[in-house]
Amino acid sequence: MESSQIKNLLKKELPEELIEHLLEHYQKANNEFLKGNWDYVGNEIGKFIEIAFRIVQNKTLKQYTLMNEKLPTITEGFLKTFEQSNNANEEYRIIIPRVLYSMYCIRNKRGMIHINNINPNRMDALYLISSSKWVLAELIRVTSNIDFDIAMKKIEDILHKTIPYVWKNNNIARVLNTKLNIKQRILVLLYSEDKMSFEKLFNCIEYKNKTVFKKYIL
């Protein structure tokens, strides 16, 4: 799903500036994950968390901390303010805030921000990336009024597996690992999307001769 589609779904109920910042840091975190920069994944996820909490504030408290102001300290007491709200359903009052809080703890306690006996690693980064996708998918589910099956398809697009060294932007994909030969790159791309049209695969691989590519390589 393209970011413009996500914006159109979410802006019906959420402030546009929050949506834009949320998607910006979501995309940056994914890009850093693909490059294996675990520290930078933590940096971008931290910003994603702060924006997502502002969205929770907006839905439960009917106001949110301005972008140029610092959020209150994220503690159990901070979470209680959402739980006690009568303005929103339990997704915004309890479930999303608790997921964000777990992300916040991993990001802060696993060496991504502060010096720790555990160095930033792929598993922690993968947890943060997967959780950010879940949060984004849940926001779409609870704010959109589209048919359930269509909503689920869009959510599945967001939750699609993230493959290291595959860079994606809308309908374009590139394999960043230059050590792979062309057949290996084809397999990586097909695995990353489950299925892909011949034209898209040919464009993504950037092979020069379409006939040779189709007849001999595929």
N, C-alpha and C. Protein backbone atom coordinates (compact mmCIF):
# COMPACT_ATOMS: atom_id res chain seq x y z
N MET A 1 0.84 -1.19 0.00
CA MET A 1 0.00 0.00 0.00
C MET A 1 0.88 1.25 0.00
N GLU A 2 0.57 2.20 -0.84
CA GLU A 2 1.33 3.44 -0.90
C GLU A 2 0.96 4.34 0.27
N SER A 3 1.92 5.21 0.65
CA SER A 3 1.69 6.09 1.79
C SER A 3 0.51 7.03 1.54
N SER A 4 0.29 7.43 0.29
CA SER A 4 -0.82 8.32 -0.02
C SER A 4 -2.17 7.65 0.28
N GLN A 5 -2.26 6.34 0.04
CA GLN A 5 -3.50 5.62 0.35
C GLN A 5 -3.73 5.55 1.85
N ILE A 6 -2.66 5.32 2.59
CA ILE A 6 -2.77 5.26 4.04
C ILE A 6 -3.21 6.62 4.58
N LYS A 7 -2.63 7.69 4.06
CA LYS A 7 -3.00 9.04 4.49
C LYS A 7 -4.48 9.29 4.26
N ASN A 8 -4.97 8.90 3.10
CA ASN A 8 -6.37 9.14 2.77
C ASN A 8 -7.31 8.40 3.71
N LEU A 9 -6.89 7.20 4.15
CA LEU A 9 -7.72 6.44 5.08
C LEU A 9 -7.72 7.06 6.47
N LEU A 10 -6.54 7.46 6.93
CA LEU A 10 -6.40 7.91 8.31
C LEU A 10 -6.83 9.36 8.54
N LYS A 11 -6.68 10.20 7.52
CA LYS A 11 -6.96 11.63 7.74
C LYS A 11 -8.44 11.93 7.94
N LYS A 12 -9.29 10.92 7.73
CA LYS A 12 -10.71 11.11 7.99
C LYS A 12 -10.98 11.34 9.48
N GLU A 13 -10.11 10.77 10.33
CA GLU A 13 -10.34 10.88 11.77
C GLU A 13 -9.14 11.43 12.53
N LEU A 14 -7.96 11.46 11.92
CA LEU A 14 -6.75 11.84 12.64
C LEU A 14 -6.13 13.10 12.04
N PRO A 15 -5.46 13.93 12.86
CA PRO A 15 -4.80 15.14 12.34
C PRO A 15 -3.77 14.80 11.26
N GLU A 16 -3.81 15.53 10.18
CA GLU A 16 -2.96 15.21 9.04
C GLU A 16 -1.47 15.32 9.38
N GLU A 17 -1.10 16.30 10.22
CA GLU A 17 0.32 16.45 10.55
C GLU A 17 0.85 15.23 11.30
N LEU A 18 0.01 14.62 12.13
CA LEU A 18 0.44 13.43 12.85
C LEU A 18 0.59 12.24 11.91
N ILE A 19 -0.32 12.12 10.97
CA ILE A 19 -0.24 11.03 9.99
C ILE A 19 1.05 11.14 9.19
N GLU A 20 1.35 12.33 8.71
CA GLU A 20 2.54 12.53 7.88
C GLU A 20 3.81 12.19 8.64
N HIS A 21 3.92 12.66 9.88
CA HIS A 21 5.12 12.37 10.67
C HIS A 21 5.20 10.89 11.01
N LEU A 22 4.06 10.28 11.31
CA LEU A 22 4.05 8.85 11.65
C LEU A 22 4.57 8.02 10.47
N LEU A 23 4.06 8.29 9.28
CA LEU A 23 4.48 7.53 8.10
C LEU A 23 5.93 7.83 7.74
N GLU A 24 6.35 9.07 7.94
CA GLU A 24 7.74 9.43 7.64
C GLU A 24 8.71 8.60 8.47
N HIS A 25 8.48 8.52 9.77
CA HIS A 25 9.41 7.79 10.64
C HIS A 25 9.23 6.28 10.52
N TYR A 26 8.03 5.84 10.18
CA TYR A 26 7.81 4.41 9.90
C TYR A 26 8.67 3.99 8.70
N GLN A 27 8.64 4.79 7.64
CA GLN A 27 9.41 4.47 6.44
C GLN A 27 10.91 4.54 6.70
N LYS A 28 11.35 5.55 7.44
CA LYS A 28 12.77 5.69 7.74
C LYS A 28 13.26 4.51 8.59
N ALA A 29 12.45 4.08 9.55
CA ALA A 29 12.83 2.94 10.38
C ALA A 29 12.98 1.68 9.54
N ASN A 30 12.06 1.47 8.61
CA ASN A 30 12.16 0.30 7.73
C ASN A 30 13.39 0.37 6.84
N ASN A 31 13.70 1.56 6.34
CA ASN A 31 14.90 1.71 5.50
C ASN A 31 16.17 1.39 6.29
N GLU A 32 16.23 1.84 7.52
CA GLU A 32 17.40 1.55 8.35
C GLU A 32 17.49 0.07 8.69
N PHE A 33 16.33 -0.57 8.86
CA PHE A 33 16.32 -2.01 9.12
C PHE A 33 16.89 -2.77 7.93
N LEU A 34 16.50 -2.38 6.74
CA LEU A 34 16.98 -3.05 5.53
C LEU A 34 18.49 -2.91 5.38
N LYS A 35 19.05 -1.83 5.90
CA LYS A 35 20.49 -1.60 5.82
C LYS A 35 21.24 -2.20 7.01
N GLY A 36 20.49 -2.75 7.97
CA GLY A 36 21.12 -3.36 9.13
C GLY A 36 21.63 -2.38 10.15
N ASN A 37 21.11 -1.16 10.14
CA ASN A 37 21.53 -0.13 11.09
C ASN A 37 20.62 -0.16 12.32
N TRP A 38 20.89 -1.07 13.24
CA TRP A 38 19.98 -1.30 14.35
C TRP A 38 19.84 -0.08 15.25
N ASP A 39 20.93 0.67 15.48
CA ASP A 39 20.84 1.88 16.30
C ASP A 39 19.87 2.88 15.68
N TYR A 40 19.99 3.07 14.38
CA TYR A 40 19.16 4.05 13.70
C TYR A 40 17.70 3.61 13.63
N VAL A 41 17.49 2.28 13.59
CA VAL A 41 16.11 1.78 13.69
C VAL A 41 15.49 2.28 14.98
N GLY A 42 16.25 2.18 16.08
CA GLY A 42 15.77 2.64 17.38
C GLY A 42 15.48 4.13 17.39
N ASN A 43 16.33 4.91 16.73
CA ASN A 43 16.11 6.36 16.66
C ASN A 43 14.78 6.69 16.00
N GLU A 44 14.54 6.08 14.85
CA GLU A 44 13.32 6.38 14.10
C GLU A 44 12.08 5.81 14.78
N ILE A 45 12.21 4.63 15.37
CA ILE A 45 11.08 4.04 16.08
C ILE A 45 10.71 4.89 17.29
N GLY A 46 11.71 5.49 17.94
CA GLY A 46 11.43 6.37 19.07
C GLY A 46 10.54 7.53 18.64
N LYS A 47 10.81 8.09 17.48
CA LYS A 47 9.99 9.19 16.96
C LYS A 47 8.60 8.68 16.56
N PHE A 48 8.57 7.48 15.98
CA PHE A 48 7.28 6.86 15.62
C PHE A 48 6.42 6.71 16.88
N ILE A 49 7.02 6.24 17.96
CA ILE A 49 6.30 6.03 19.22
C ILE A 49 5.73 7.35 19.74
N GLU A 50 6.54 8.40 19.70
CA GLU A 50 6.09 9.70 20.20
C GLU A 50 4.91 10.23 19.39
N ILE A 51 4.95 10.05 18.07
CA ILE A 51 3.83 10.50 17.23
C ILE A 51 2.59 9.65 17.50
N ALA A 52 2.79 8.34 17.62
CA ALA A 52 1.65 7.45 17.86
C ALA A 52 0.97 7.76 19.19
N PHE A 53 1.77 8.11 20.21
CA PHE A 53 1.16 8.49 21.49
C PHE A 53 0.36 9.78 21.36
N ARG A 54 0.79 10.67 20.51
CA ARG A 54 0.01 11.89 20.26
C ARG A 54 -1.32 11.56 19.60
N ILE A 55 -1.31 10.56 18.74
CA ILE A 55 -2.57 10.11 18.13
C ILE A 55 -3.50 9.53 19.18
N VAL A 56 -2.94 8.76 20.11
CA VAL A 56 -3.73 8.21 21.23
C VAL A 56 -4.29 9.35 22.08
N GLN A 57 -3.46 10.34 22.36
CA GLN A 57 -3.94 11.51 23.11
C GLN A 57 -5.11 12.17 22.39
N ASN A 58 -4.97 12.34 21.10
CA ASN A 58 -6.00 13.00 20.31
C ASN A 58 -7.33 12.26 20.39
N LYS A 59 -7.28 10.94 20.34
CA LYS A 59 -8.51 10.15 20.34
C LYS A 59 -9.12 10.03 21.74
N THR A 60 -8.28 9.95 22.77
CA THR A 60 -8.81 9.72 24.12
C THR A 60 -9.04 11.00 24.91
N LEU A 61 -8.17 11.99 24.71
CA LEU A 61 -8.23 13.23 25.49
C LEU A 61 -8.76 14.41 24.67
N LYS A 62 -8.95 14.19 23.36
CA LYS A 62 -9.44 15.22 22.45
C LYS A 62 -8.46 16.40 22.31
N GLN A 63 -7.21 16.16 22.63
CA GLN A 63 -6.13 17.12 22.41
C GLN A 63 -4.81 16.35 22.47
N TYR A 64 -3.75 16.94 21.94
CA TYR A 64 -2.48 16.24 21.98
C TYR A 64 -1.32 17.22 22.15
N THR A 65 -0.22 16.69 22.65
CA THR A 65 0.98 17.49 22.86
C THR A 65 1.48 18.04 21.53
N LEU A 66 1.68 19.33 21.44
CA LEU A 66 2.12 19.94 20.19
C LEU A 66 3.47 19.38 19.76
N MET A 67 3.74 19.43 18.46
CA MET A 67 4.96 18.83 17.92
C MET A 67 6.22 19.50 18.46
N ASN A 68 6.13 20.77 18.81
CA ASN A 68 7.32 21.47 19.33
C ASN A 68 7.42 21.40 20.85
N GLU A 69 6.57 20.58 21.47
CA GLU A 69 6.60 20.39 22.92
C GLU A 69 6.94 18.94 23.25
N LYS A 70 7.48 18.73 24.42
CA LYS A 70 7.89 17.39 24.85
C LYS A 70 6.72 16.63 25.45
N LEU A 71 6.62 15.36 25.09
CA LEU A 71 5.59 14.51 25.69
C LEU A 71 5.83 14.34 27.19
N PRO A 72 4.77 14.11 27.95
CA PRO A 72 4.98 13.73 29.36
C PRO A 72 5.81 12.45 29.43
N THR A 73 6.48 12.23 30.54
CA THR A 73 7.27 11.02 30.72
C THR A 73 6.37 9.80 30.55
N ILE A 74 6.81 8.86 29.74
CA ILE A 74 6.00 7.68 29.44
C ILE A 74 6.16 6.66 30.56
N THR A 75 5.18 6.60 31.42
CA THR A 75 5.17 5.70 32.58
C THR A 75 3.82 5.00 32.65
N GLU A 76 3.67 4.14 33.65
CA GLU A 76 2.37 3.50 33.86
C GLU A 76 1.29 4.55 34.14
N GLY A 77 1.67 5.61 34.85
CA GLY A 77 0.71 6.68 35.13
C GLY A 77 0.26 7.37 33.85
N PHE A 78 1.18 7.54 32.92
CA PHE A 78 0.85 8.14 31.62
C PHE A 78 -0.17 7.28 30.90
N LEU A 79 0.01 5.96 30.96
CA LEU A 79 -0.93 5.05 30.31
C LEU A 79 -2.31 5.09 30.96
N LYS A 80 -2.34 5.30 32.28
CA LYS A 80 -3.61 5.33 33.01
C LYS A 80 -4.51 6.47 32.53
N THR A 81 -3.91 7.57 32.10
CA THR A 81 -4.73 8.69 31.63
C THR A 81 -5.57 8.30 30.42
N PHE A 82 -5.07 7.38 29.62
CA PHE A 82 -5.84 6.92 28.46
C PHE A 82 -6.90 5.91 28.88
N GLU A 83 -6.53 5.01 29.79
CA GLU A 83 -7.47 3.98 30.24
C GLU A 83 -8.73 4.59 30.86
N GLN A 84 -8.57 5.71 31.53
CA GLN A 84 -9.69 6.33 32.24
C GLN A 84 -10.58 7.19 31.35
N SER A 85 -10.22 7.31 30.09
CA SER A 85 -11.00 8.14 29.17
C SER A 85 -12.30 7.47 28.78
N ASN A 86 -13.32 8.28 28.59
CA ASN A 86 -14.62 7.79 28.12
C ASN A 86 -14.87 8.16 26.66
N ASN A 87 -13.82 8.69 26.01
CA ASN A 87 -13.99 9.24 24.67
C ASN A 87 -13.63 8.28 23.55
N ALA A 88 -13.08 7.09 23.88
CA ALA A 88 -12.60 6.22 22.81
C ALA A 88 -12.79 4.76 23.19
N ASN A 89 -12.64 3.88 22.19
CA ASN A 89 -12.76 2.44 22.44
C ASN A 89 -11.47 1.91 23.05
N GLU A 90 -11.47 0.62 23.42
CA GLU A 90 -10.34 0.06 24.16
C GLU A 90 -9.07 -0.06 23.32
N GLU A 91 -9.21 -0.06 22.00
CA GLU A 91 -7.99 -0.08 21.17
C GLU A 91 -7.13 1.14 21.46
N TYR A 92 -7.78 2.31 21.55
CA TYR A 92 -7.03 3.55 21.84
C TYR A 92 -6.76 3.71 23.33
N ARG A 93 -7.64 3.22 24.17
CA ARG A 93 -7.46 3.41 25.62
C ARG A 93 -6.42 2.46 26.22
N ILE A 94 -6.38 1.22 25.70
CA ILE A 94 -5.56 0.20 26.36
C ILE A 94 -4.58 -0.49 25.41
N ILE A 95 -5.10 -1.06 24.31
CA ILE A 95 -4.28 -1.97 23.52
C ILE A 95 -3.12 -1.27 22.81
N ILE A 96 -3.42 -0.23 22.01
CA ILE A 96 -2.35 0.46 21.30
C ILE A 96 -1.34 1.09 22.25
N PRO A 97 -1.77 1.79 23.33
CA PRO A 97 -0.79 2.35 24.26
C PRO A 97 0.13 1.30 24.89
N ARG A 98 -0.41 0.11 25.19
CA ARG A 98 0.41 -0.94 25.80
C ARG A 98 1.44 -1.48 24.81
N VAL A 99 1.05 -1.60 23.56
CA VAL A 99 2.01 -2.04 22.54
C VAL A 99 3.11 -0.98 22.38
N LEU A 100 2.72 0.28 22.33
CA LEU A 100 3.70 1.36 22.21
C LEU A 100 4.65 1.39 23.41
N TYR A 101 4.10 1.11 24.59
CA TYR A 101 4.93 1.12 25.80
C TYR A 101 5.96 -0.01 25.76
N SER A 102 5.56 -1.17 25.25
CA SER A 102 6.53 -2.27 25.14
C SER A 102 7.63 -1.91 24.14
N MET A 103 7.26 -1.23 23.05
CA MET A 103 8.26 -0.78 22.07
C MET A 103 9.20 0.23 22.71
N TYR A 104 8.63 1.13 23.50
CA TYR A 104 9.40 2.16 24.19
C TYR A 104 10.44 1.53 25.11
N CYS A 105 10.03 0.49 25.83
CA CYS A 105 10.95 -0.18 26.78
C CYS A 105 12.07 -0.90 26.04
N ILE A 106 11.74 -1.60 24.98
CA ILE A 106 12.78 -2.30 24.19
C ILE A 106 13.77 -1.29 23.61
N ARG A 107 13.23 -0.24 23.05
CA ARG A 107 14.09 0.78 22.42
C ARG A 107 15.01 1.43 23.44
N ASN A 108 14.55 1.65 24.67
CA ASN A 108 15.35 2.35 25.68
C ASN A 108 16.28 1.43 26.46
N LYS A 109 15.90 0.15 26.61
CA LYS A 109 16.63 -0.74 27.51
C LYS A 109 17.55 -1.73 26.81
N ARG A 110 17.63 -1.67 25.48
CA ARG A 110 18.43 -2.66 24.77
C ARG A 110 19.60 -2.03 24.00
N GLY A 111 20.12 -0.91 24.50
CA GLY A 111 21.33 -0.35 23.95
C GLY A 111 21.17 0.49 22.70
N MET A 112 19.93 0.78 22.30
CA MET A 112 19.73 1.59 21.10
C MET A 112 19.89 3.08 21.38
N ILE A 113 19.63 3.46 22.62
CA ILE A 113 19.73 4.87 22.99
C ILE A 113 20.80 5.07 24.05
N HIS A 114 20.75 4.27 25.10
CA HIS A 114 21.69 4.39 26.21
C HIS A 114 22.67 3.23 26.20
N ILE A 115 23.86 3.46 26.73
CA ILE A 115 24.86 2.40 26.82
C ILE A 115 24.32 1.27 27.68
N ASN A 116 24.46 0.05 27.18
CA ASN A 116 23.86 -1.10 27.86
C ASN A 116 24.76 -2.31 27.65
N ASN A 117 24.58 -3.33 28.48
CA ASN A 117 25.38 -4.53 28.31
C ASN A 117 24.91 -5.36 27.12
N ILE A 118 23.79 -4.98 26.51
CA ILE A 118 23.29 -5.64 25.30
C ILE A 118 23.39 -4.67 24.13
N ASN A 119 24.14 -5.04 23.12
CA ASN A 119 24.27 -4.19 21.95
C ASN A 119 23.02 -4.29 21.08
N PRO A 120 22.69 -3.22 20.36
CA PRO A 120 21.55 -3.28 19.44
C PRO A 120 21.70 -4.46 18.49
N ASN A 121 20.63 -5.19 18.27
CA ASN A 121 20.72 -6.39 17.44
C ASN A 121 19.50 -6.53 16.54
N ARG A 122 19.58 -7.47 15.62
CA ARG A 122 18.54 -7.65 14.62
C ARG A 122 17.21 -8.05 15.24
N MET A 123 17.23 -8.93 16.25
CA MET A 123 15.98 -9.41 16.83
C MET A 123 15.21 -8.28 17.50
N ASP A 124 15.92 -7.42 18.23
CA ASP A 124 15.24 -6.28 18.86
C ASP A 124 14.66 -5.35 17.79
N ALA A 125 15.48 -5.10 16.76
CA ALA A 125 15.02 -4.22 15.67
C ALA A 125 13.82 -4.82 14.95
N LEU A 126 13.84 -6.14 14.76
CA LEU A 126 12.72 -6.81 14.08
C LEU A 126 11.44 -6.71 14.91
N TYR A 127 11.58 -6.84 16.22
CA TYR A 127 10.42 -6.69 17.10
C TYR A 127 9.82 -5.29 16.97
N LEU A 128 10.69 -4.28 16.96
CA LEU A 128 10.21 -2.90 16.85
C LEU A 128 9.55 -2.64 15.51
N ILE A 129 10.15 -3.14 14.43
CA ILE A 129 9.59 -2.95 13.10
C ILE A 129 8.23 -3.65 12.99
N SER A 130 8.16 -4.89 13.47
CA SER A 130 6.90 -5.65 13.41
C SER A 130 5.81 -4.97 14.23
N SER A 131 6.19 -4.46 15.39
CA SER A 131 5.20 -3.78 16.25
C SER A 131 4.71 -2.49 15.63
N SER A 132 5.61 -1.77 14.96
CA SER A 132 5.20 -0.52 14.30
C SER A 132 4.22 -0.82 13.18
N LYS A 133 4.44 -1.92 12.47
CA LYS A 133 3.50 -2.32 11.42
C LYS A 133 2.14 -2.68 12.02
N TRP A 134 2.16 -3.37 13.16
CA TRP A 134 0.90 -3.73 13.81
C TRP A 134 0.14 -2.47 14.23
N VAL A 135 0.84 -1.51 14.82
CA VAL A 135 0.20 -0.26 15.25
C VAL A 135 -0.43 0.45 14.06
N LEU A 136 0.32 0.54 12.96
CA LEU A 136 -0.20 1.22 11.78
C LEU A 136 -1.41 0.49 11.22
N ALA A 137 -1.33 -0.83 11.17
CA ALA A 137 -2.46 -1.62 10.67
C ALA A 137 -3.68 -1.46 11.57
N GLU A 138 -3.46 -1.43 12.87
CA GLU A 138 -4.58 -1.27 13.81
C GLU A 138 -5.23 0.10 13.68
N LEU A 139 -4.42 1.12 13.44
CA LEU A 139 -4.98 2.46 13.23
C LEU A 139 -5.87 2.48 12.00
N ILE A 140 -5.44 1.81 10.95
CA ILE A 140 -6.26 1.75 9.74
C ILE A 140 -7.56 0.99 10.02
N ARG A 141 -7.45 -0.11 10.74
CA ARG A 141 -8.64 -0.93 11.01
C ARG A 141 -9.69 -0.16 11.80
N VAL A 142 -9.27 0.57 12.83
CA VAL A 142 -10.25 1.20 13.71
C VAL A 142 -10.73 2.56 13.19
N THR A 143 -10.01 3.15 12.23
CA THR A 143 -10.43 4.47 11.74
C THR A 143 -11.13 4.42 10.39
N SER A 144 -10.96 3.33 9.64
CA SER A 144 -11.55 3.28 8.30
C SER A 144 -12.96 2.71 8.36
N ASN A 145 -13.77 3.19 7.46
CA ASN A 145 -15.15 2.71 7.36
C ASN A 145 -15.34 1.85 6.12
N ILE A 146 -14.24 1.38 5.54
CA ILE A 146 -14.32 0.59 4.33
C ILE A 146 -14.72 -0.84 4.67
N ASP A 147 -15.10 -1.59 3.64
CA ASP A 147 -15.49 -2.98 3.82
C ASP A 147 -14.39 -3.76 4.54
N PHE A 148 -14.79 -4.66 5.44
CA PHE A 148 -13.84 -5.39 6.28
C PHE A 148 -12.80 -6.14 5.45
N ASP A 149 -13.25 -6.82 4.39
CA ASP A 149 -12.31 -7.61 3.58
C ASP A 149 -11.28 -6.72 2.90
N ILE A 150 -11.73 -5.54 2.44
CA ILE A 150 -10.80 -4.60 1.81
C ILE A 150 -9.82 -4.07 2.85
N ALA A 151 -10.33 -3.76 4.03
CA ALA A 151 -9.46 -3.27 5.09
C ALA A 151 -8.41 -4.30 5.46
N MET A 152 -8.79 -5.56 5.54
CA MET A 152 -7.85 -6.61 5.88
C MET A 152 -6.78 -6.77 4.82
N LYS A 153 -7.16 -6.62 3.55
CA LYS A 153 -6.17 -6.72 2.47
C LYS A 153 -5.15 -5.61 2.59
N LYS A 154 -5.61 -4.41 2.91
CA LYS A 154 -4.69 -3.29 3.05
C LYS A 154 -3.78 -3.50 4.25
N ILE A 155 -4.32 -4.03 5.33
CA ILE A 155 -3.52 -4.30 6.52
C ILE A 155 -2.48 -5.37 6.22
N GLU A 156 -2.86 -6.41 5.47
CA GLU A 156 -1.91 -7.46 5.12
C GLU A 156 -0.77 -6.91 4.27
N ASP A 157 -1.08 -5.92 3.42
CA ASP A 157 -0.02 -5.28 2.63
C ASP A 157 0.99 -4.61 3.54
N ILE A 158 0.50 -3.94 4.59
CA ILE A 158 1.40 -3.27 5.52
C ILE A 158 2.22 -4.27 6.31
N LEU A 159 1.58 -5.37 6.70
CA LEU A 159 2.24 -6.37 7.53
C LEU A 159 3.10 -7.33 6.73
N HIS A 160 3.28 -7.05 5.45
CA HIS A 160 4.08 -7.92 4.61
C HIS A 160 5.49 -8.05 5.17
N LYS A 161 6.07 -9.23 5.00
CA LYS A 161 7.38 -9.49 5.57
C LYS A 161 8.43 -8.50 5.09
N THR A 162 9.32 -8.13 5.97
CA THR A 162 10.41 -7.22 5.65
C THR A 162 11.68 -8.04 5.41
N ILE A 163 12.24 -7.91 4.23
CA ILE A 163 13.43 -8.68 3.85
C ILE A 163 14.65 -7.77 3.87
N PRO A 164 15.67 -8.10 4.68
CA PRO A 164 16.88 -7.28 4.68
C PRO A 164 17.47 -7.19 3.28
N TYR A 165 17.97 -6.02 2.93
CA TYR A 165 18.64 -5.75 1.66
C TYR A 165 17.69 -5.64 0.47
N VAL A 166 16.38 -5.60 0.73
CA VAL A 166 15.44 -5.28 -0.34
C VAL A 166 14.85 -3.92 -0.05
N TRP A 167 15.13 -2.96 -0.92
CA TRP A 167 14.61 -1.60 -0.75
C TRP A 167 13.36 -1.45 -1.60
N LYS A 168 12.30 -0.86 -1.00
CA LYS A 168 11.05 -0.68 -1.72
C LYS A 168 10.56 0.75 -1.58
N ASN A 169 9.98 1.24 -2.66
CA ASN A 169 9.35 2.56 -2.65
C ASN A 169 8.19 2.52 -3.63
N ASN A 170 6.97 2.46 -3.07
CA ASN A 170 5.77 2.32 -3.88
C ASN A 170 5.87 1.06 -4.75
N ASN A 171 5.95 1.19 -6.06
CA ASN A 171 5.95 0.02 -6.95
C ASN A 171 7.34 -0.37 -7.41
N ILE A 172 8.36 0.17 -6.78
CA ILE A 172 9.74 -0.10 -7.16
C ILE A 172 10.42 -0.91 -6.07
N ALA A 173 11.22 -1.89 -6.46
CA ALA A 173 11.99 -2.69 -5.51
C ALA A 173 13.38 -2.92 -6.07
N ARG A 174 14.37 -2.89 -5.19
CA ARG A 174 15.75 -3.14 -5.58
C ARG A 174 16.42 -4.03 -4.54
N VAL A 175 17.24 -4.97 -5.00
CA VAL A 175 18.04 -5.79 -4.09
C VAL A 175 19.34 -5.05 -3.82
N LEU A 176 19.59 -4.71 -2.56
CA LEU A 176 20.75 -3.90 -2.20
C LEU A 176 22.03 -4.71 -2.07
N ASN A 177 21.90 -6.02 -1.92
CA ASN A 177 23.08 -6.87 -1.79
C ASN A 177 23.67 -7.12 -3.17
N THR A 178 24.73 -6.43 -3.51
CA THR A 178 25.33 -6.50 -4.85
C THR A 178 26.13 -7.78 -5.08
N LYS A 179 26.33 -8.57 -4.02
CA LYS A 179 27.09 -9.82 -4.16
C LYS A 179 26.25 -10.95 -4.75
N LEU A 180 24.93 -10.78 -4.77
CA LEU A 180 24.06 -11.81 -5.31
C LEU A 180 24.05 -11.76 -6.83
N ASN A 181 24.03 -12.94 -7.46
CA ASN A 181 23.92 -12.95 -8.92
C ASN A 181 22.47 -12.70 -9.32
N ILE A 182 22.19 -12.61 -10.60
CA ILE A 182 20.87 -12.19 -11.06
C ILE A 182 19.79 -13.20 -10.67
N LYS A 183 20.10 -14.51 -10.73
CA LYS A 183 19.09 -15.50 -10.36
C LYS A 183 18.78 -15.45 -8.87
N GLN A 184 19.80 -15.21 -8.06
CA GLN A 184 19.58 -15.08 -6.62
C GLN A 184 18.75 -13.84 -6.31
N ARG A 185 19.01 -12.75 -7.04
CA ARG A 185 18.24 -11.52 -6.82
C ARG A 185 16.78 -11.72 -7.21
N ILE A 186 16.53 -12.49 -8.26
CA ILE A 186 15.16 -12.79 -8.67
C ILE A 186 14.43 -13.54 -7.55
N LEU A 187 15.08 -14.54 -6.98
CA LEU A 187 14.47 -15.31 -5.91
C LEU A 187 14.18 -14.46 -4.69
N VAL A 188 15.10 -13.57 -4.34
CA VAL A 188 14.91 -12.68 -3.20
C VAL A 188 13.71 -11.77 -3.42
N LEU A 189 13.60 -11.21 -4.61
CA LEU A 189 12.48 -10.31 -4.92
C LEU A 189 11.14 -11.06 -4.89
N LEU A 190 11.11 -12.25 -5.47
CA LEU A 190 9.87 -13.02 -5.49
C LEU A 190 9.47 -13.45 -4.08
N TYR A 191 10.45 -13.78 -3.26
CA TYR A 191 10.14 -14.16 -1.88
C TYR A 191 9.61 -12.96 -1.10
N SER A 192 10.13 -11.78 -1.40
CA SER A 192 9.74 -10.58 -0.65
C SER A 192 8.30 -10.17 -0.94
N GLU A 193 7.75 -10.57 -2.10
CA GLU A 193 6.39 -10.17 -2.46
C GLU A 193 5.45 -11.34 -2.73
N ASP A 194 5.94 -12.56 -2.63
CA ASP A 194 5.15 -13.77 -2.89
C ASP A 194 4.84 -13.96 -4.37
N LYS A 195 4.45 -12.91 -5.05
CA LYS A 195 4.22 -12.99 -6.49
C LYS A 195 4.50 -11.62 -7.10
N MET A 196 4.88 -11.65 -8.38
CA MET A 196 5.23 -10.40 -9.05
C MET A 196 5.04 -10.60 -10.54
N SER A 197 4.50 -9.61 -11.21
CA SER A 197 4.32 -9.71 -12.66
C SER A 197 5.67 -9.73 -13.36
N PHE A 198 5.70 -10.28 -14.56
CA PHE A 198 6.95 -10.32 -15.32
C PHE A 198 7.49 -8.92 -15.55
N GLU A 199 6.60 -7.99 -15.93
CA GLU A 199 7.05 -6.63 -16.23
C GLU A 199 7.67 -5.96 -15.01
N LYS A 200 7.04 -6.14 -13.85
CA LYS A 200 7.59 -5.52 -12.64
C LYS A 200 8.92 -6.14 -12.27
N LEU A 201 9.00 -7.48 -12.38
CA LEU A 201 10.25 -8.17 -12.06
C LEU A 201 11.37 -7.72 -12.98
N PHE A 202 11.09 -7.64 -14.26
CA PHE A 202 12.08 -7.19 -15.24
C PHE A 202 12.57 -5.78 -14.92
N ASN A 203 11.64 -4.90 -14.57
CA ASN A 203 12.02 -3.52 -14.24
C ASN A 203 12.82 -3.44 -12.95
N CYS A 204 12.45 -4.26 -11.98
CA CYS A 204 13.15 -4.22 -10.70
C CYS A 204 14.57 -4.79 -10.79
N ILE A 205 14.73 -5.81 -11.64
CA ILE A 205 16.06 -6.40 -11.81
C ILE A 205 16.95 -5.50 -12.66
N GLU A 206 16.33 -4.67 -13.53
CA GLU A 206 17.05 -3.74 -14.40
C GLU A 206 17.95 -4.46 -15.40
N TYR A 207 17.46 -5.59 -15.91
CA TYR A 207 18.20 -6.30 -16.95
C TYR A 207 17.95 -5.61 -18.28
N LYS A 208 18.93 -5.62 -19.17
CA LYS A 208 18.84 -4.83 -20.39
C LYS A 208 18.02 -5.50 -21.48
N ASN A 209 18.15 -6.81 -21.64
CA ASN A 209 17.51 -7.50 -22.76
C ASN A 209 16.32 -8.33 -22.26
N LYS A 210 15.12 -7.90 -22.60
CA LYS A 210 13.91 -8.56 -22.10
C LYS A 210 13.78 -9.98 -22.63
N THR A 211 14.13 -10.20 -23.91
CA THR A 211 14.01 -11.53 -24.51
C THR A 211 14.93 -12.54 -23.82
N VAL A 212 16.17 -12.16 -23.64
CA VAL A 212 17.14 -13.03 -22.97
C VAL A 212 16.71 -13.30 -21.53
N PHE A 213 16.24 -12.25 -20.89
CA PHE A 213 15.80 -12.37 -19.50
C PHE A 213 14.68 -13.39 -19.37
N LYS A 214 13.71 -13.30 -20.26
CA LYS A 214 12.53 -14.18 -20.17
C LYS A 214 12.84 -15.60 -20.61
N LYS A 215 13.64 -15.75 -21.68
CA LYS A 215 13.86 -17.06 -22.28
C LYS A 215 14.92 -17.88 -21.57
N TYR A 216 15.99 -17.21 -21.12
CA TYR A 216 17.13 -17.95 -20.60
C TYR A 216 17.32 -17.84 -19.09
N ILE A 217 17.00 -16.68 -18.53
CA ILE A 217 17.25 -16.49 -17.09
C ILE A 217 16.08 -17.00 -16.27
N LEU A 218 14.87 -16.58 -16.64
CA LEU A 218 13.71 -17.07 -15.88
C LEU A 218 13.49 -18.56 -16.07
